[in-house]
Amino acid sequence: MSFKFQPILNLRKHHEDHCRTRFKEEQTKLQHIDGELSMLKARKERRETEAAKMSVGTISAESLISASRYLVYLRQKQEETKVRRTLQAGEVEAARTTLVQAQKERKVMEKLKEKMAREEMEELLRREQKNLDEIAINRIYHS
């Protein structure tokens, strides 16, 4: 049995593999951004703890200004990273949608292939039965 649409099925499988790879890449990027957010949060908490310790006793204006600037910088980086994370989550969702569509298209072609194989097998069985019937009829008349 040869499936005349096999090249199309092969292309759809290849496209699905490409979509799966892209989806995994986008997920990995999102995980990196999540890791970056966690790191920034930990740094910020450490710096706030250090600032609280520095506020006891003698306070140096320079160190207080420096700590304050650094905290502002960390907050700004966190906000920028959150925006990047939101954008990346959208990219992940778009890649997921594309992958799901590619899977559906491949499954449609595979079902068509199965249907055509089943129909071909049924036709072959019908022809064989017809031949057997003819042989039986010929034997009956020639006996």
Protein backbone atom coordinates (compact mmCIF):
# COMPACT_ATOMS: atom_id res chain seq x y z
CA MET A 1 0.00 0.00 0.00
CA SER A 2 1.35 3.38 -0.90
CA PHE A 3 -0.13 6.46 0.63
CA LYS A 4 -0.17 9.12 -2.06
CA PHE A 5 -0.15 11.90 0.53
CA GLN A 6 2.91 10.54 2.39
CA PRO A 7 5.08 13.58 1.47
CA ILE A 8 2.46 15.87 3.00
CA LEU A 9 2.30 13.71 6.13
CA ASN A 10 6.09 13.83 6.38
CA LEU A 11 6.03 17.62 6.09
CA ARG A 12 3.39 17.85 8.80
CA LYS A 13 5.43 15.61 11.10
CA HIS A 14 8.49 17.76 10.47
CA HIS A 15 6.49 20.93 11.13
CA GLU A 16 5.16 19.44 14.37
CA ASP A 17 8.71 18.56 15.49
CA HIS A 18 9.81 22.12 14.70
CA CYS A 19 6.86 23.53 16.68
CA ARG A 20 7.66 21.24 19.62
CA THR A 21 11.29 22.42 19.60
CA ARG A 22 10.23 26.07 19.50
CA PHE A 23 7.76 25.50 22.35
CA LYS A 24 10.50 23.95 24.50
CA GLU A 25 12.85 26.83 23.71
CA GLU A 26 10.21 29.39 24.70
CA GLN A 27 9.52 27.48 27.93
CA THR A 28 13.24 27.45 28.72
CA LYS A 29 13.42 31.22 28.20
CA LEU A 30 10.47 31.65 30.56
CA GLN A 31 12.18 29.47 33.18
CA HIS A 32 15.34 31.60 32.90
CA ILE A 33 13.30 34.76 33.46
CA ASP A 34 11.62 33.13 36.48
CA GLY A 35 15.08 32.28 37.84
CA GLU A 36 16.18 35.86 37.28
CA LEU A 37 13.12 37.13 39.16
CA SER A 38 13.87 34.81 42.07
CA MET A 39 17.48 35.99 42.17
CA LEU A 40 16.43 39.66 42.13
CA LYS A 41 13.91 39.03 44.90
CA ALA A 42 16.55 37.31 47.04
CA ARG A 43 19.05 40.15 46.45
CA LYS A 44 16.43 42.73 47.35
CA GLU A 45 15.49 40.92 50.55
CA ARG A 46 19.18 40.58 51.50
CA ARG A 47 19.78 44.25 50.84
CA GLU A 48 16.72 45.26 52.86
CA THR A 49 17.95 43.11 55.74
CA GLU A 50 21.39 44.71 55.50
CA ALA A 51 19.80 48.16 55.41
CA ALA A 52 17.80 47.36 58.53
CA LYS A 53 20.99 46.24 60.31
CA MET A 54 22.79 49.40 59.19
CA SER A 55 20.06 51.63 60.57
CA VAL A 56 20.92 50.60 64.13
CA GLY A 57 23.64 52.67 65.75
CA THR A 58 25.66 55.18 63.77
CA ILE A 59 24.23 55.86 60.37
CA SER A 60 26.48 56.81 57.50
CA ALA A 61 24.74 59.06 54.99
CA GLU A 62 26.77 57.66 52.11
CA SER A 63 25.95 54.04 52.91
CA LEU A 64 22.28 54.91 53.43
CA ILE A 65 22.13 56.71 50.06
CA SER A 66 23.99 53.86 48.38
CA ALA A 67 21.67 51.23 49.87
CA SER A 68 18.64 53.29 48.88
CA ARG A 69 19.85 53.67 45.29
CA TYR A 70 20.62 49.99 45.04
CA LEU A 71 17.14 49.09 46.30
CA VAL A 72 15.59 51.43 43.73
CA TYR A 73 17.73 49.79 41.04
CA LEU A 74 16.65 46.31 42.17
CA ARG A 75 12.97 47.29 42.18
CA GLN A 76 13.33 48.74 38.69
CA LYS A 77 15.06 45.57 37.46
CA GLN A 78 12.28 43.49 39.02
CA GLU A 79 9.61 45.48 37.22
CA GLU A 80 11.45 45.22 33.89
CA THR A 81 11.86 41.48 34.38
CA LYS A 82 8.17 41.08 35.24
CA VAL A 83 7.28 42.83 31.98
CA ARG A 84 9.68 40.53 30.08
CA ARG A 85 8.12 37.54 31.84
CA THR A 86 4.63 38.60 30.76
CA LEU A 87 5.79 38.98 27.16
CA GLN A 88 7.58 35.63 27.29
CA ALA A 89 4.50 33.92 28.74
CA GLY A 90 2.63 35.20 25.67
CA GLU A 91 5.33 33.73 23.43
CA VAL A 92 5.02 30.39 25.22
CA GLU A 93 1.26 30.40 24.75
CA ALA A 94 1.60 31.26 21.06
CA ALA A 95 4.11 28.43 20.61
CA ARG A 96 1.76 26.06 22.45
CA THR A 97 -1.15 27.05 20.19
CA THR A 98 0.98 26.50 17.08
CA LEU A 99 2.10 23.10 18.39
CA VAL A 100 -1.46 22.01 19.12
CA GLN A 101 -2.53 23.06 15.61
CA ALA A 102 0.39 21.17 14.05
CA GLN A 103 -0.53 18.06 16.05
CA LYS A 104 -4.13 18.28 14.84
CA GLU A 105 -3.01 18.61 11.22
CA ARG A 106 -0.70 15.60 11.54
CA LYS A 107 -3.42 13.50 13.17
CA VAL A 108 -5.84 14.35 10.36
CA MET A 109 -3.34 13.09 7.79
CA GLU A 110 -2.63 9.94 9.81
CA LYS A 111 -6.34 9.19 10.10
CA LEU A 112 -6.69 9.68 6.35
CA LYS A 113 -3.80 7.27 5.82
CA GLU A 114 -5.44 4.70 8.11
CA LYS A 115 -8.80 5.13 6.38
CA MET A 116 -7.26 4.68 2.94
CA ALA A 117 -5.37 1.58 4.12
CA ARG A 118 -8.56 0.13 5.59
CA GLU A 119 -10.51 0.84 2.38
CA GLU A 120 -7.76 -0.71 0.29
CA MET A 121 -7.77 -3.81 2.49
CA GLU A 122 -11.56 -4.07 2.24
CA GLU A 123 -11.36 -3.77 -1.54
CA LEU A 124 -8.70 -6.48 -1.66
CA LEU A 125 -10.87 -8.75 0.49
CA ARG A 126 -13.90 -8.08 -1.77
CA ARG A 127 -11.86 -9.00 -4.87
CA GLU A 128 -10.56 -12.16 -3.23
CA GLN A 129 -14.08 -13.14 -2.18
CA LYS A 130 -15.33 -12.49 -5.71
CA ASN A 131 -12.57 -14.69 -7.13
CA LEU A 132 -13.36 -17.44 -4.64
CA ASP A 133 -17.06 -17.20 -5.50
CA GLU A 134 -16.27 -17.49 -9.22
CA ILE A 135 -14.09 -20.52 -8.60
CA ALA A 136 -16.82 -22.15 -6.54
CA ILE A 137 -19.47 -21.43 -9.20
CA ASN A 138 -17.21 -22.82 -11.95
CA ARG A 139 -16.65 -26.02 -9.95
CA ILE A 140 -20.36 -26.45 -9.35
CA TYR A 141 -21.21 -26.06 -13.06
CA HIS A 142 -18.34 -28.21 -14.27
CA SER A 143 -18.95 -31.05 -11.83
